[in-house]
Amino acid sequence: MTFFKKHILTIVGLLVGLVGGYVFWYYIGCTSGQCAIKSNPLSMTMYGGLMGAMLGNLLQDLALKNKKAEK
């Protein structure tokens, strides 16, 4: 099994999180500069990517457990 096939949901979650983090900063971000994460587009994008990757990894683990349970 290749790396990409093994971690597809984690990679997709990372990409969705990166886009989501940037969109969140663009539309909702902190304009006053008082918010440490939400005022900087790079940090908000990275934070969104991290959250997306962790969610994708969780879903990947659940999918693998369900696949093994069916066998």
PDB file of N, CA and C in Angstrom:
ATOM      1  N   MET A   1       0.853  -1.173   0.000  1.00  0.00           N
ATOM      2  CA  MET A   1       0.000   0.000   0.000  1.00  0.00           C
ATOM      3  C   MET A   1       0.902   1.240   0.000  1.00  0.00           C
ATOM      4  N   THR A   2       0.643   2.150  -0.909  1.00  0.00           N
ATOM      5  CA  THR A   2       1.476   3.346  -1.002  1.00  0.00           C
ATOM      6  C   THR A   2       1.132   4.334   0.111  1.00  0.00           C
ATOM      7  N   PHE A   3       2.043   5.262   0.320  1.00  0.00           N
ATOM      8  CA  PHE A   3       1.853   6.269   1.375  1.00  0.00           C
ATOM      9  C   PHE A   3       0.593   7.084   1.129  1.00  0.00           C
ATOM     10  N   PHE A   4       0.384   7.479  -0.134  1.00  0.00           N
ATOM     11  CA  PHE A   4      -0.773   8.313  -0.455  1.00  0.00           C
ATOM     12  C   PHE A   4      -2.086   7.579  -0.205  1.00  0.00           C
ATOM     13  N   LYS A   5      -2.151   6.321  -0.619  1.00  0.00           N
ATOM     14  CA  LYS A   5      -3.380   5.545  -0.397  1.00  0.00           C
ATOM     15  C   LYS A   5      -3.625   5.288   1.081  1.00  0.00           C
ATOM     16  N   LYS A   6      -2.552   5.115   1.836  1.00  0.00           N
ATOM     17  CA  LYS A   6      -2.682   4.814   3.256  1.00  0.00           C
ATOM     18  C   LYS A   6      -3.168   6.027   4.047  1.00  0.00           C
ATOM     19  N   HIS A   7      -2.786   7.228   3.621  1.00  0.00           N
ATOM     20  CA  HIS A   7      -3.090   8.444   4.370  1.00  0.00           C
ATOM     21  C   HIS A   7      -3.979   9.410   3.596  1.00  0.00           C
ATOM     22  N   ILE A   8      -4.838   8.917   2.736  1.00  0.00           N
ATOM     23  CA  ILE A   8      -5.634   9.773   1.874  1.00  0.00           C
ATOM     24  C   ILE A   8      -6.561  10.694   2.670  1.00  0.00           C
ATOM     25  N   LEU A   9      -7.220  10.196   3.690  1.00  0.00           N
ATOM     26  CA  LEU A   9      -8.135  11.052   4.452  1.00  0.00           C
ATOM     27  C   LEU A   9      -7.388  12.106   5.260  1.00  0.00           C
ATOM     28  N   THR A  10      -6.212  11.786   5.741  1.00  0.00           N
ATOM     29  CA  THR A  10      -5.407  12.769   6.464  1.00  0.00           C
ATOM     30  C   THR A  10      -4.958  13.886   5.522  1.00  0.00           C
ATOM     31  N   ILE A  11      -4.539  13.531   4.318  1.00  0.00           N
ATOM     32  CA  ILE A  11      -4.093  14.520   3.341  1.00  0.00           C
ATOM     33  C   ILE A  11      -5.256  15.392   2.892  1.00  0.00           C
ATOM     34  N   VAL A  12      -6.400  14.789   2.628  1.00  0.00           N
ATOM     35  CA  VAL A  12      -7.578  15.560   2.237  1.00  0.00           C
ATOM     36  C   VAL A  12      -8.005  16.484   3.375  1.00  0.00           C
ATOM     37  N   GLY A  13      -7.973  15.980   4.606  1.00  0.00           N
ATOM     38  CA  GLY A  13      -8.306  16.809   5.759  1.00  0.00           C
ATOM     39  C   GLY A  13      -7.353  17.986   5.905  1.00  0.00           C
ATOM     40  N   LEU A  14      -6.074  17.758   5.653  1.00  0.00           N
ATOM     41  CA  LEU A  14      -5.080  18.825   5.713  1.00  0.00           C
ATOM     42  C   LEU A  14      -5.385  19.905   4.687  1.00  0.00           C
ATOM     43  N   LEU A  15      -5.659  19.500   3.454  1.00  0.00           N
ATOM     44  CA  LEU A  15      -5.941  20.475   2.400  1.00  0.00           C
ATOM     45  C   LEU A  15      -7.221  21.256   2.663  1.00  0.00           C
ATOM     46  N   VAL A  16      -8.254  20.569   3.094  1.00  0.00           N
ATOM     47  CA  VAL A  16      -9.516  21.245   3.423  1.00  0.00           C
ATOM     48  C   VAL A  16      -9.315  22.190   4.608  1.00  0.00           C
ATOM     49  N   GLY A  17      -8.536  21.768   5.586  1.00  0.00           N
ATOM     50  CA  GLY A  17      -8.262  22.606   6.744  1.00  0.00           C
ATOM     51  C   GLY A  17      -7.461  23.848   6.387  1.00  0.00           C
ATOM     52  N   LEU A  18      -6.494  23.712   5.491  1.00  0.00           N
ATOM     53  CA  LEU A  18      -5.720  24.874   5.049  1.00  0.00           C
ATOM     54  C   LEU A  18      -6.623  25.906   4.378  1.00  0.00           C
ATOM     55  N   VAL A  19      -7.458  25.445   3.471  1.00  0.00           N
ATOM     56  CA  VAL A  19      -8.385  26.352   2.792  1.00  0.00           C
ATOM     57  C   VAL A  19      -9.384  26.936   3.788  1.00  0.00           C
ATOM     58  N   GLY A  20      -9.902  26.092   4.659  1.00  0.00           N
ATOM     59  CA  GLY A  20     -10.866  26.556   5.655  1.00  0.00           C
ATOM     60  C   GLY A  20     -10.271  27.574   6.612  1.00  0.00           C
ATOM     61  N   GLY A  21      -9.031  27.376   7.024  1.00  0.00           N
ATOM     62  CA  GLY A  21      -8.363  28.323   7.910  1.00  0.00           C
ATOM     63  C   GLY A  21      -8.183  29.680   7.257  1.00  0.00           C
ATOM     64  N   TYR A  22      -7.795  29.667   5.982  1.00  0.00           N
ATOM     65  CA  TYR A  22      -7.638  30.940   5.271  1.00  0.00           C
ATOM     66  C   TYR A  22      -8.975  31.632   5.079  1.00  0.00           C
ATOM     67  N   VAL A  23     -10.003  30.888   4.703  1.00  0.00           N
ATOM     68  CA  VAL A  23     -11.338  31.466   4.512  1.00  0.00           C
ATOM     69  C   VAL A  23     -11.862  32.022   5.830  1.00  0.00           C
ATOM     70  N   PHE A  24     -11.618  31.325   6.918  1.00  0.00           N
ATOM     71  CA  PHE A  24     -12.027  31.814   8.234  1.00  0.00           C
ATOM     72  C   PHE A  24     -11.333  33.132   8.548  1.00  0.00           C
ATOM     73  N   TRP A  25     -10.025  33.209   8.296  1.00  0.00           N
ATOM     74  CA  TRP A  25      -9.301  34.460   8.545  1.00  0.00           C
ATOM     75  C   TRP A  25      -9.849  35.577   7.665  1.00  0.00           C
ATOM     76  N   TYR A  26     -10.118  35.280   6.409  1.00  0.00           N
ATOM     77  CA  TYR A  26     -10.548  36.303   5.455  1.00  0.00           C
ATOM     78  C   TYR A  26     -11.899  36.898   5.837  1.00  0.00           C
ATOM     79  N   TYR A  27     -12.842  36.056   6.228  1.00  0.00           N
ATOM     80  CA  TYR A  27     -14.189  36.541   6.501  1.00  0.00           C
ATOM     81  C   TYR A  27     -14.445  36.868   7.976  1.00  0.00           C
ATOM     82  N   ILE A  28     -13.820  36.185   8.901  1.00  0.00           N
ATOM     83  CA  ILE A  28     -14.151  36.325  10.309  1.00  0.00           C
ATOM     84  C   ILE A  28     -12.964  36.836  11.131  1.00  0.00           C
ATOM     85  N   GLY A  29     -11.753  36.717  10.631  1.00  0.00           N
ATOM     86  CA  GLY A  29     -10.544  37.023  11.389  1.00  0.00           C
ATOM     87  C   GLY A  29     -10.597  38.299  12.212  1.00  0.00           C
ATOM     88  N   CYS A  30      -9.732  38.393  13.144  1.00  0.00           N
ATOM     89  CA  CYS A  30      -9.666  39.511  14.090  1.00  0.00           C
ATOM     90  C   CYS A  30      -8.993  40.710  13.414  1.00  0.00           C
ATOM     91  N   THR A  31      -9.691  41.814  13.282  1.00  0.00           N
ATOM     92  CA  THR A  31      -9.136  42.996  12.624  1.00  0.00           C
ATOM     93  C   THR A  31      -8.386  43.907  13.579  1.00  0.00           C
ATOM     94  N   SER A  32      -8.603  43.781  14.870  1.00  0.00           N
ATOM     95  CA  SER A  32      -7.953  44.671  15.825  1.00  0.00           C
ATOM     96  C   SER A  32      -6.501  44.280  16.092  1.00  0.00           C
ATOM     97  N   GLY A  33      -6.109  43.068  15.773  1.00  0.00           N
ATOM     98  CA  GLY A  33      -4.756  42.597  16.028  1.00  0.00           C
ATOM     99  C   GLY A  33      -4.563  42.045  17.433  1.00  0.00           C
ATOM    100  N   GLN A  34      -5.589  42.009  18.241  1.00  0.00           N
ATOM    101  CA  GLN A  34      -5.494  41.509  19.616  1.00  0.00           C
ATOM    102  C   GLN A  34      -5.517  39.985  19.684  1.00  0.00           C
ATOM    103  N   CYS A  35      -6.027  39.349  18.671  1.00  0.00           N
ATOM    104  CA  CYS A  35      -6.134  37.882  18.650  1.00  0.00           C
ATOM    105  C   CYS A  35      -4.824  37.312  18.090  1.00  0.00           C
ATOM    106  N   ALA A  36      -4.196  36.437  18.824  1.00  0.00           N
ATOM    107  CA  ALA A  36      -2.889  35.915  18.415  1.00  0.00           C
ATOM    108  C   ALA A  36      -2.964  35.061  17.154  1.00  0.00           C
ATOM    109  N   ILE A  37      -3.968  34.235  17.046  1.00  0.00           N
ATOM    110  CA  ILE A  37      -4.058  33.322  15.903  1.00  0.00           C
ATOM    111  C   ILE A  37      -4.884  33.927  14.778  1.00  0.00           C
ATOM    112  N   LYS A  38      -6.026  34.480  15.099  1.00  0.00           N
ATOM    113  CA  LYS A  38      -6.960  34.932  14.071  1.00  0.00           C
ATOM    114  C   LYS A  38      -6.535  36.209  13.358  1.00  0.00           C
ATOM    115  N   SER A  39      -5.565  36.959  13.847  1.00  0.00           N
ATOM    116  CA  SER A  39      -5.184  38.204  13.193  1.00  0.00           C
ATOM    117  C   SER A  39      -4.136  37.997  12.096  1.00  0.00           C
ATOM    118  N   ASN A  40      -3.474  36.856  12.062  1.00  0.00           N
ATOM    119  CA  ASN A  40      -2.421  36.579  11.086  1.00  0.00           C
ATOM    120  C   ASN A  40      -2.911  35.510  10.106  1.00  0.00           C
ATOM    121  N   PRO A  41      -2.908  35.797   8.791  1.00  0.00           N
ATOM    122  CA  PRO A  41      -3.421  34.797   7.840  1.00  0.00           C
ATOM    123  C   PRO A  41      -2.592  33.519   7.798  1.00  0.00           C
ATOM    124  N   LEU A  42      -1.284  33.628   7.951  1.00  0.00           N
ATOM    125  CA  LEU A  42      -0.448  32.428   7.900  1.00  0.00           C
ATOM    126  C   LEU A  42      -0.709  31.519   9.095  1.00  0.00           C
ATOM    127  N   SER A  43      -0.772  32.092  10.284  1.00  0.00           N
ATOM    128  CA  SER A  43      -0.997  31.249  11.464  1.00  0.00           C
ATOM    129  C   SER A  43      -2.402  30.647  11.456  1.00  0.00           C
ATOM    130  N   MET A  44      -3.379  31.397  10.977  1.00  0.00           N
ATOM    131  CA  MET A  44      -4.743  30.855  10.914  1.00  0.00           C
ATOM    132  C   MET A  44      -4.839  29.734   9.879  1.00  0.00           C
ATOM    133  N   THR A  45      -4.130  29.887   8.767  1.00  0.00           N
ATOM    134  CA  THR A  45      -4.118  28.840   7.741  1.00  0.00           C
ATOM    135  C   THR A  45      -3.445  27.575   8.263  1.00  0.00           C
ATOM    136  N   MET A  46      -2.323  27.731   8.956  1.00  0.00           N
ATOM    137  CA  MET A  46      -1.627  26.580   9.519  1.00  0.00           C
ATOM    138  C   MET A  46      -2.458  25.907  10.608  1.00  0.00           C
ATOM    139  N   TYR A  47      -3.117  26.701  11.434  1.00  0.00           N
ATOM    140  CA  TYR A  47      -3.973  26.141  12.481  1.00  0.00           C
ATOM    141  C   TYR A  47      -5.128  25.353  11.861  1.00  0.00           C
ATOM    142  N   GLY A  48      -5.739  25.899  10.817  1.00  0.00           N
ATOM    143  CA  GLY A  48      -6.804  25.181  10.126  1.00  0.00           C
ATOM    144  C   GLY A  48      -6.304  23.885   9.511  1.00  0.00           C
ATOM    145  N   GLY A  49      -5.097  23.920   8.933  1.00  0.00           N
ATOM    146  CA  GLY A  49      -4.511  22.708   8.369  1.00  0.00           C
ATOM    147  C   GLY A  49      -4.248  21.650   9.417  1.00  0.00           C
ATOM    148  N   LEU A  50      -3.763  22.080  10.571  1.00  0.00           N
ATOM    149  CA  LEU A  50      -3.514  21.139  11.673  1.00  0.00           C
ATOM    150  C   LEU A  50      -4.813  20.489  12.144  1.00  0.00           C
ATOM    151  N   MET A  51      -5.839  21.298  12.320  1.00  0.00           N
ATOM    152  CA  MET A  51      -7.129  20.761  12.764  1.00  0.00           C
ATOM    153  C   MET A  51      -7.718  19.811  11.712  1.00  0.00           C
ATOM    154  N   GLY A  52      -7.603  20.182  10.450  1.00  0.00           N
ATOM    155  CA  GLY A  52      -8.104  19.323   9.380  1.00  0.00           C
ATOM    156  C   GLY A  52      -7.353  18.009   9.290  1.00  0.00           C
ATOM    157  N   ALA A  53      -6.034  18.069   9.454  1.00  0.00           N
ATOM    158  CA  ALA A  53      -5.228  16.843   9.404  1.00  0.00           C
ATOM    159  C   ALA A  53      -5.558  15.920  10.573  1.00  0.00           C
ATOM    160  N   MET A  54      -5.758  16.491  11.745  1.00  0.00           N
ATOM    161  CA  MET A  54      -6.104  15.655  12.897  1.00  0.00           C
ATOM    162  C   MET A  54      -7.477  15.022  12.720  1.00  0.00           C
ATOM    163  N   LEU A  55      -8.428  15.766  12.190  1.00  0.00           N
ATOM    164  CA  LEU A  55      -9.752  15.198  11.942  1.00  0.00           C
ATOM    165  C   LEU A  55      -9.683  14.122  10.862  1.00  0.00           C
ATOM    166  N   GLY A  56      -8.930  14.380   9.800  1.00  0.00           N
ATOM    167  CA  GLY A  56      -8.761  13.372   8.749  1.00  0.00           C
ATOM    168  C   GLY A  56      -8.089  12.120   9.256  1.00  0.00           C
ATOM    169  N   ASN A  57      -7.106  12.274  10.130  1.00  0.00           N
ATOM    170  CA  ASN A  57      -6.423  11.124  10.705  1.00  0.00           C
ATOM    171  C   ASN A  57      -7.372  10.316  11.578  1.00  0.00           C
ATOM    172  N   LEU A  58      -8.209  10.996  12.348  1.00  0.00           N
ATOM    173  CA  LEU A  58      -9.204  10.306  13.169  1.00  0.00           C
ATOM    174  C   LEU A  58     -10.164   9.508  12.291  1.00  0.00           C
ATOM    175  N   LEU A  59     -10.636  10.122  11.219  1.00  0.00           N
ATOM    176  CA  LEU A  59     -11.548   9.416  10.311  1.00  0.00           C
ATOM    177  C   LEU A  59     -10.856   8.245   9.624  1.00  0.00           C
ATOM    178  N   GLN A  60      -9.573   8.424   9.290  1.00  0.00           N
ATOM    179  CA  GLN A  60      -8.799   7.338   8.670  1.00  0.00           C
ATOM    180  C   GLN A  60      -8.687   6.155   9.628  1.00  0.00           C
ATOM    181  N   ASP A  61      -8.402   6.427  10.893  1.00  0.00           N
ATOM    182  CA  ASP A  61      -8.298   5.351  11.888  1.00  0.00           C
ATOM    183  C   ASP A  61      -9.632   4.635  12.065  1.00  0.00           C
ATOM    184  N   LEU A  62     -10.714   5.403  12.122  1.00  0.00           N
ATOM    185  CA  LEU A  62     -12.037   4.782  12.262  1.00  0.00           C
ATOM    186  C   LEU A  62     -12.386   3.919  11.054  1.00  0.00           C
ATOM    187  N   ALA A  63     -12.034   4.392   9.870  1.00  0.00           N
ATOM    188  CA  ALA A  63     -12.311   3.619   8.658  1.00  0.00           C
ATOM    189  C   ALA A  63     -11.508   2.322   8.645  1.00  0.00           C
ATOM    190  N   LEU A  64     -10.257   2.373   9.074  1.00  0.00           N
ATOM    191  CA  LEU A  64      -9.440   1.159   9.104  1.00  0.00           C
ATOM    192  C   LEU A  64      -9.943   0.168  10.146  1.00  0.00           C
ATOM    193  N   LYS A  65     -10.393   0.676  11.291  1.00  0.00           N
ATOM    194  CA  LYS A  65     -10.941  -0.225  12.320  1.00  0.00           C
ATOM    195  C   LYS A  65     -12.208  -0.901  11.832  1.00  0.00           C
ATOM    196  N   ASN A  66     -13.075  -0.149  11.160  1.00  0.00           N
ATOM    197  CA  ASN A  66     -14.306  -0.736  10.627  1.00  0.00           C
ATOM    198  C   ASN A  66     -14.010  -1.753   9.535  1.00  0.00           C
ATOM    199  N   LYS A  67     -12.991  -1.481   8.719  1.00  0.00           N
ATOM    200  CA  LYS A  67     -12.624  -2.412   7.663  1.00  0.00           C
ATOM    201  C   LYS A  67     -12.070  -3.716   8.228  1.00  0.00           C
ATOM    202  N   LYS A  68     -11.270  -3.613   9.305  1.00  0.00           N
ATOM    203  CA  LYS A  68     -10.714  -4.808   9.943  1.00  0.00           C
ATOM    204  C   LYS A  68     -11.795  -5.588  10.685  1.00  0.00           C
ATOM    205  N   ALA A  69     -12.789  -4.876  11.250  1.00  0.00           N
ATOM    206  CA  ALA A  69     -13.863  -5.534  11.980  1.00  0.00           C
ATOM    207  C   ALA A  69     -14.765  -6.333  11.051  1.00  0.00           C
ATOM    208  N   GLU A  70     -14.886  -5.909   9.802  1.00  0.00           N
ATOM    209  CA  GLU A  70     -15.727  -6.612   8.844  1.00  0.00           C
ATOM    210  C   GLU A  70     -15.125  -7.928   8.393  1.00  0.00           C
ATOM    211  N   LYS A  71     -13.802  -8.047   8.469  1.00  0.00           N
ATOM    212  CA  LYS A  71     -13.131  -9.276   7.990  1.00  0.00           C
ATOM    213  C   LYS A  71     -13.285 -10.414   8.939  1.00  0.00           C
TER     214      LYS A  71
END
